[in-house]
Amino acid sequence: ESSFFNRMNYISGGDFTAEDEVILGKGLAESIDAKAGDTITLLTQTINGQLNGADLRVAGVFHMGIKAIDDTYFKLHLKQAQRLLDTNRVELFSLATKGVEHWNQISSDIVTKNPQLESVPFEILDKVYYQNSIDFLEAQFSFVRTIILLIVALGIFNTIAVGLLERAGEVGALRANGEKRSRLFKILITENCMLGLIGGALGIILAICVDKLFLAKGIPIPSGPGITRSYSVFIEMKTSHYLQALLLPTITAVLSSCWPIYKLLKKSIPELLRSA
């Protein structure tokens, strides 16, 4: 277990090596005025409702950066905990996977081999500190993304509309030479689609350069509510992010150009030529 939970951030001492040792959260240790090497008495209630206790030596004091955990958390040996509770049962154990994408297969195997076991993913088990934060950030980012896309769409709409007005004479000449409205519409839509792809590709290159050159050491974030230490945020770009960076500006450019192109092609040839 010590290799699984390896981010304890010990202030003093270290992990326990004997059954009669315990490690304490920083806030808990301060509240009882305990430090590494001290002996404390832990009183518990057995599963039968009887009072039980044990004298334990404090092996270490740690902090995890979350006040609610640091003020209440302590850890002791499994056999010692079973003696204090007067039971030999294990009600919960954790599995470490190489990636979250493997969880569905692991969960299915657990239920198939032992239907009495209940498999709970980490985001549900630790919903307060993990899933709620993920849901909040997803909603926040979606809102910000929508605003950015709206601003970008308005900017593209304005740029395309101005550009098409300047090319009215060119479109009029093509119409006068026998080009159909449908063919010109396809040409202009394809042109704006390519511009969206090129813009997305340039944005990806710029983002990679900024990430590798200026943000290589991360973005320092001050401690927030309930957090007792600052930390650094690193940008991780996945394949899906690249696809979004290409598709979103392309789709936005195409949709933003439909109305200006339609209004331009709706004009008569003399009106287009007079605009030259």
Protein backbone atom coordinates (compact mmCIF):
# COMPACT_ATOMS: atom_id res chain seq x y z
CA GLU A 1 0.00 0.00 0.00
CA SER A 2 2.88 2.38 0.68
CA SER A 3 3.92 2.09 -2.99
CA PHE A 4 0.33 2.84 -4.06
CA PHE A 5 -0.17 5.92 -1.83
CA ASN A 6 3.26 7.41 -2.41
CA ARG A 7 2.41 11.12 -2.21
CA MET A 8 2.09 11.50 1.55
CA ASN A 9 4.49 14.51 1.81
CA TYR A 10 6.03 13.67 5.19
CA ILE A 11 6.87 16.67 7.36
CA SER A 12 8.70 14.55 9.93
CA GLY A 13 9.40 10.84 10.29
CA GLY A 14 8.12 8.45 7.62
CA ASP A 15 5.85 5.50 6.92
CA PHE A 16 5.31 2.95 9.68
CA THR A 17 7.41 -0.23 9.69
CA ALA A 18 5.80 -2.05 12.63
CA GLU A 19 2.25 -2.97 13.67
CA ASP A 20 2.33 -0.71 16.74
CA GLU A 21 3.04 2.48 14.74
CA VAL A 22 0.75 5.10 13.22
CA ILE A 23 1.12 8.11 10.94
CA LEU A 24 -0.91 11.28 11.47
CA GLY A 25 -2.13 14.13 9.28
CA LYS A 26 -0.54 17.51 9.99
CA GLY A 27 -3.68 19.14 11.38
CA LEU A 28 -4.55 16.10 13.50
CA ALA A 29 -1.02 15.93 14.93
CA GLU A 30 -1.11 19.63 15.80
CA SER A 31 -4.52 19.33 17.47
CA ILE A 32 -3.23 16.65 19.90
CA ASP A 33 0.28 18.14 20.12
CA ALA A 34 1.95 14.99 18.78
CA LYS A 35 5.13 14.60 16.76
CA ALA A 36 7.20 11.76 15.29
CA GLY A 37 8.47 9.47 18.06
CA ASP A 38 5.66 10.26 20.53
CA THR A 39 3.33 7.59 21.89
CA ILE A 40 -0.42 8.11 21.65
CA THR A 41 -3.41 6.10 22.86
CA LEU A 42 -6.01 5.29 20.22
CA LEU A 43 -9.49 4.44 21.51
CA THR A 44 -12.00 2.72 19.23
CA GLN A 45 -15.27 0.85 19.36
CA THR A 46 -15.34 -2.75 18.17
CA ILE A 47 -17.96 -4.04 15.74
CA ASN A 48 -19.76 -5.47 18.79
CA GLY A 49 -19.96 -2.03 20.44
CA GLN A 50 -17.26 -2.63 23.07
CA LEU A 51 -14.52 -0.12 23.91
CA ASN A 52 -11.01 -1.03 22.79
CA GLY A 53 -7.70 0.79 22.60
CA ALA A 54 -3.98 0.55 21.89
CA ASP A 55 -0.80 2.51 22.58
CA LEU A 56 0.83 3.43 19.26
CA ARG A 57 4.08 5.19 18.39
CA VAL A 58 3.85 8.07 15.89
CA ALA A 59 6.08 7.06 12.98
CA GLY A 60 5.52 10.19 10.93
CA VAL A 61 3.47 13.32 10.26
CA PHE A 62 2.36 14.15 6.72
CA HIS A 63 0.25 16.60 4.77
CA MET A 64 -1.67 16.08 1.52
CA GLY A 65 -2.52 19.71 0.84
CA ILE A 66 -6.23 19.25 1.61
CA LYS A 67 -7.21 20.63 5.00
CA ALA A 68 -10.20 18.29 5.49
CA ILE A 69 -7.86 15.28 5.13
CA ASP A 70 -4.89 16.67 7.03
CA ASP A 71 -7.10 17.51 10.03
CA THR A 72 -8.70 14.05 10.38
CA TYR A 73 -6.65 11.39 8.60
CA PHE A 74 -4.44 8.83 10.27
CA LYS A 75 -3.11 5.51 9.01
CA LEU A 76 -2.11 2.34 10.83
CA HIS A 77 -1.29 -1.28 10.05
CA LEU A 78 -4.15 -3.50 8.83
CA LYS A 79 -3.61 -6.14 11.53
CA GLN A 80 -3.60 -3.46 14.23
CA ALA A 81 -6.84 -2.00 12.87
CA GLN A 82 -8.44 -5.47 12.82
CA ARG A 83 -7.45 -6.04 16.45
CA LEU A 84 -8.90 -2.70 17.49
CA LEU A 85 -12.19 -3.45 15.71
CA ASP A 86 -12.18 -7.12 16.82
CA THR A 87 -12.61 -8.49 13.30
CA ASN A 88 -10.57 -10.13 10.58
CA ARG A 89 -12.64 -8.76 7.69
CA VAL A 90 -11.47 -6.42 4.93
CA GLU A 91 -14.31 -4.25 3.64
CA LEU A 92 -12.44 -2.18 1.08
CA PHE A 93 -9.34 -2.59 -1.04
CA SER A 94 -7.96 -0.48 -3.88
CA LEU A 95 -6.63 -1.46 -7.29
CA ALA A 96 -4.15 0.62 -9.27
CA THR A 97 -4.67 0.52 -13.05
CA LYS A 98 -2.33 1.70 -15.80
CA GLY A 99 -5.08 3.96 -17.13
CA VAL A 100 -8.74 4.84 -16.58
CA GLU A 101 -9.61 3.25 -19.92
CA HIS A 102 -8.95 -0.21 -18.41
CA TRP A 103 -11.49 0.16 -15.61
CA ASN A 104 -14.57 -1.15 -17.48
CA GLN A 105 -12.82 -4.43 -18.32
CA ILE A 106 -11.48 -4.81 -14.77
CA SER A 107 -14.90 -4.09 -13.26
CA SER A 108 -16.53 -6.66 -15.54
CA ASP A 109 -13.95 -9.31 -14.59
CA ILE A 110 -14.45 -8.64 -10.87
CA VAL A 111 -18.23 -9.02 -11.06
CA THR A 112 -17.94 -12.15 -13.23
CA LYS A 113 -15.50 -13.94 -10.93
CA ASN A 114 -17.08 -12.86 -7.64
CA PRO A 115 -20.63 -11.42 -7.83
CA GLN A 116 -20.52 -10.60 -4.09
CA LEU A 117 -17.89 -7.91 -4.66
CA GLU A 118 -18.95 -4.40 -5.62
CA SER A 119 -16.59 -2.51 -7.91
CA VAL A 120 -16.66 1.27 -7.58
CA PRO A 121 -14.57 3.54 -9.87
CA PHE A 122 -12.35 6.17 -8.33
CA GLU A 123 -14.37 9.13 -9.60
CA ILE A 124 -17.45 7.83 -7.74
CA LEU A 125 -15.59 6.60 -4.66
CA ASP A 126 -13.86 9.96 -4.26
CA LYS A 127 -16.68 12.06 -5.67
CA VAL A 128 -16.31 14.96 -3.26
CA TYR A 129 -12.65 15.68 -4.11
CA TYR A 130 -12.53 14.37 -7.68
CA GLN A 131 -15.73 13.95 -9.67
CA ASN A 132 -17.39 17.13 -8.38
CA SER A 133 -14.27 19.09 -9.33
CA ILE A 134 -14.23 17.47 -12.78
CA ASP A 135 -17.92 18.26 -13.34
CA PHE A 136 -17.41 21.86 -12.20
CA LEU A 137 -14.39 22.39 -14.46
CA GLU A 138 -16.12 20.73 -17.43
CA ALA A 139 -19.13 23.03 -17.05
CA GLN A 140 -16.87 26.06 -16.61
CA PHE A 141 -14.70 25.22 -19.62
CA SER A 142 -17.76 24.48 -21.77
CA PHE A 143 -19.19 27.91 -20.94
CA VAL A 144 -15.89 29.66 -21.66
CA ARG A 145 -15.45 27.64 -24.88
CA THR A 146 -18.93 28.67 -26.03
CA ILE A 147 -18.17 32.36 -25.43
CA ILE A 148 -14.83 32.07 -27.27
CA LEU A 149 -16.47 30.30 -30.22
CA LEU A 150 -19.17 32.97 -30.36
CA ILE A 151 -16.57 35.76 -30.42
CA VAL A 152 -14.53 33.89 -33.04
CA ALA A 153 -17.66 33.26 -35.14
CA LEU A 154 -18.56 36.97 -35.07
CA GLY A 155 -14.99 37.91 -36.00
CA ILE A 156 -14.93 35.40 -38.87
CA PHE A 157 -18.37 36.54 -40.03
CA ASN A 158 -17.22 40.16 -40.12
CA THR A 159 -13.95 39.32 -41.91
CA ILE A 160 -15.65 37.10 -44.49
CA ALA A 161 -18.46 39.62 -45.10
CA VAL A 162 -15.96 42.45 -45.71
CA GLY A 163 -13.81 40.20 -47.91
CA LEU A 164 -16.77 39.09 -50.01
CA LEU A 165 -17.95 42.67 -50.53
CA GLU A 166 -14.49 43.53 -51.86
CA ARG A 167 -14.71 40.55 -54.24
CA ALA A 168 -18.18 41.39 -55.52
CA GLY A 169 -16.76 42.47 -58.87
CA GLU A 170 -14.83 39.21 -59.19
CA VAL A 171 -17.97 37.19 -58.45
CA GLY A 172 -19.95 39.33 -60.91
CA ALA A 173 -17.37 38.69 -63.65
CA LEU A 174 -17.52 34.95 -63.01
CA ARG A 175 -21.31 35.05 -63.10
CA ALA A 176 -21.18 37.01 -66.38
CA ASN A 177 -18.90 34.33 -67.86
CA GLY A 178 -21.52 31.68 -67.17
CA GLU A 179 -20.57 30.34 -63.75
CA LYS A 180 -23.57 29.02 -61.83
CA ARG A 181 -24.49 30.24 -58.36
CA SER A 182 -24.23 26.67 -56.98
CA ARG A 183 -20.68 26.25 -58.29
CA LEU A 184 -19.58 29.62 -56.90
CA PHE A 185 -21.18 28.76 -53.56
CA LYS A 186 -19.19 25.49 -53.41
CA ILE A 187 -15.97 27.29 -54.35
CA LEU A 188 -16.38 29.98 -51.70
CA ILE A 189 -17.42 27.47 -49.02
CA THR A 190 -14.40 25.27 -49.83
CA GLU A 191 -12.13 28.31 -49.69
CA ASN A 192 -13.37 29.27 -46.22
CA CYS A 193 -13.14 25.66 -45.08
CA MET A 194 -9.47 25.58 -46.08
CA LEU A 195 -8.89 28.89 -44.29
CA GLY A 196 -10.43 27.38 -41.13
CA LEU A 197 -8.17 24.32 -41.37
CA ILE A 198 -5.07 26.45 -41.92
CA GLY A 199 -6.00 28.69 -38.99
CA GLY A 200 -6.55 25.65 -36.75
CA ALA A 201 -3.20 24.14 -37.78
CA LEU A 202 -1.37 27.41 -37.07
CA GLY A 203 -3.13 27.61 -33.69
CA ILE A 204 -1.95 24.09 -32.81
CA ILE A 205 1.65 24.92 -33.76
CA LEU A 206 1.51 28.12 -31.69
CA ALA A 207 0.04 26.25 -28.69
CA ILE A 208 2.75 23.58 -28.84
CA CYS A 209 5.48 26.22 -29.02
CA VAL A 210 4.06 28.13 -26.04
CA ASP A 211 3.66 24.91 -24.03
CA LYS A 212 7.19 23.65 -24.72
CA LEU A 213 9.02 26.97 -24.45
CA PHE A 214 7.19 29.15 -21.92
CA LEU A 215 5.11 26.70 -19.86
CA ALA A 216 7.60 23.83 -19.59
CA LYS A 217 7.85 24.33 -15.81
CA GLY A 218 4.09 24.56 -15.38
CA ILE A 219 1.75 27.32 -14.28
CA PRO A 220 2.02 28.14 -10.54
CA ILE A 221 -1.42 28.10 -8.90
CA PRO A 222 -1.95 29.61 -5.42
CA SER A 223 -3.72 27.56 -2.79
CA GLY A 224 -7.52 27.72 -3.01
CA PRO A 225 -10.27 27.22 -0.41
CA GLY A 226 -9.59 24.10 1.66
CA ILE A 227 -6.11 23.67 0.13
CA THR A 228 -3.04 24.16 2.32
CA ARG A 229 -0.33 24.31 -0.34
CA SER A 230 0.24 25.75 -3.80
CA TYR A 231 0.87 23.59 -6.85
CA SER A 232 1.79 23.77 -10.54
CA VAL A 233 -0.48 22.99 -13.47
CA PHE A 234 0.92 21.43 -16.64
CA ILE A 235 -0.87 21.48 -19.99
CA GLU A 236 -1.40 18.03 -21.49
CA MET A 237 -2.62 18.04 -25.08
CA LYS A 238 -4.26 14.85 -26.30
CA THR A 239 -5.25 13.69 -29.76
CA SER A 240 -8.85 14.77 -29.17
CA HIS A 241 -7.64 18.31 -28.42
CA TYR A 242 -5.87 18.51 -31.78
CA LEU A 243 -8.99 17.30 -33.56
CA GLN A 244 -11.09 19.90 -31.77
CA ALA A 245 -8.58 22.61 -32.62
CA LEU A 246 -8.91 21.69 -36.31
CA LEU A 247 -12.62 21.00 -36.50
CA LEU A 248 -14.01 23.86 -34.40
CA PRO A 249 -12.48 26.76 -36.40
CA THR A 250 -13.26 24.95 -39.65
CA ILE A 251 -16.91 24.40 -38.78
CA THR A 252 -17.16 27.94 -37.40
CA ALA A 253 -15.66 29.40 -40.59
CA VAL A 254 -18.02 27.41 -42.82
CA LEU A 255 -21.15 28.27 -40.83
CA SER A 256 -20.16 31.94 -40.51
CA SER A 257 -19.61 32.25 -44.26
CA CYS A 258 -22.90 30.71 -45.42
CA TRP A 259 -25.06 33.81 -44.93
CA PRO A 260 -22.61 36.38 -46.48
CA ILE A 261 -22.04 34.09 -49.48
CA TYR A 262 -25.78 33.57 -49.92
CA LYS A 263 -26.45 37.32 -49.79
CA LEU A 264 -23.64 37.99 -52.28
CA LEU A 265 -24.77 35.37 -54.79
CA LYS A 266 -28.36 36.54 -54.52
CA LYS A 267 -27.41 39.87 -56.12
CA SER A 268 -27.82 40.36 -59.87
CA ILE A 269 -24.83 40.45 -62.23
CA PRO A 270 -25.10 44.22 -63.00
CA GLU A 271 -25.31 44.96 -59.27
CA LEU A 272 -22.20 42.88 -58.61
CA LEU A 273 -20.25 44.51 -61.43
CA ARG A 274 -21.19 48.02 -60.23
CA SER A 275 -19.69 47.08 -56.81
CA ALA A 276 -16.27 46.54 -58.38
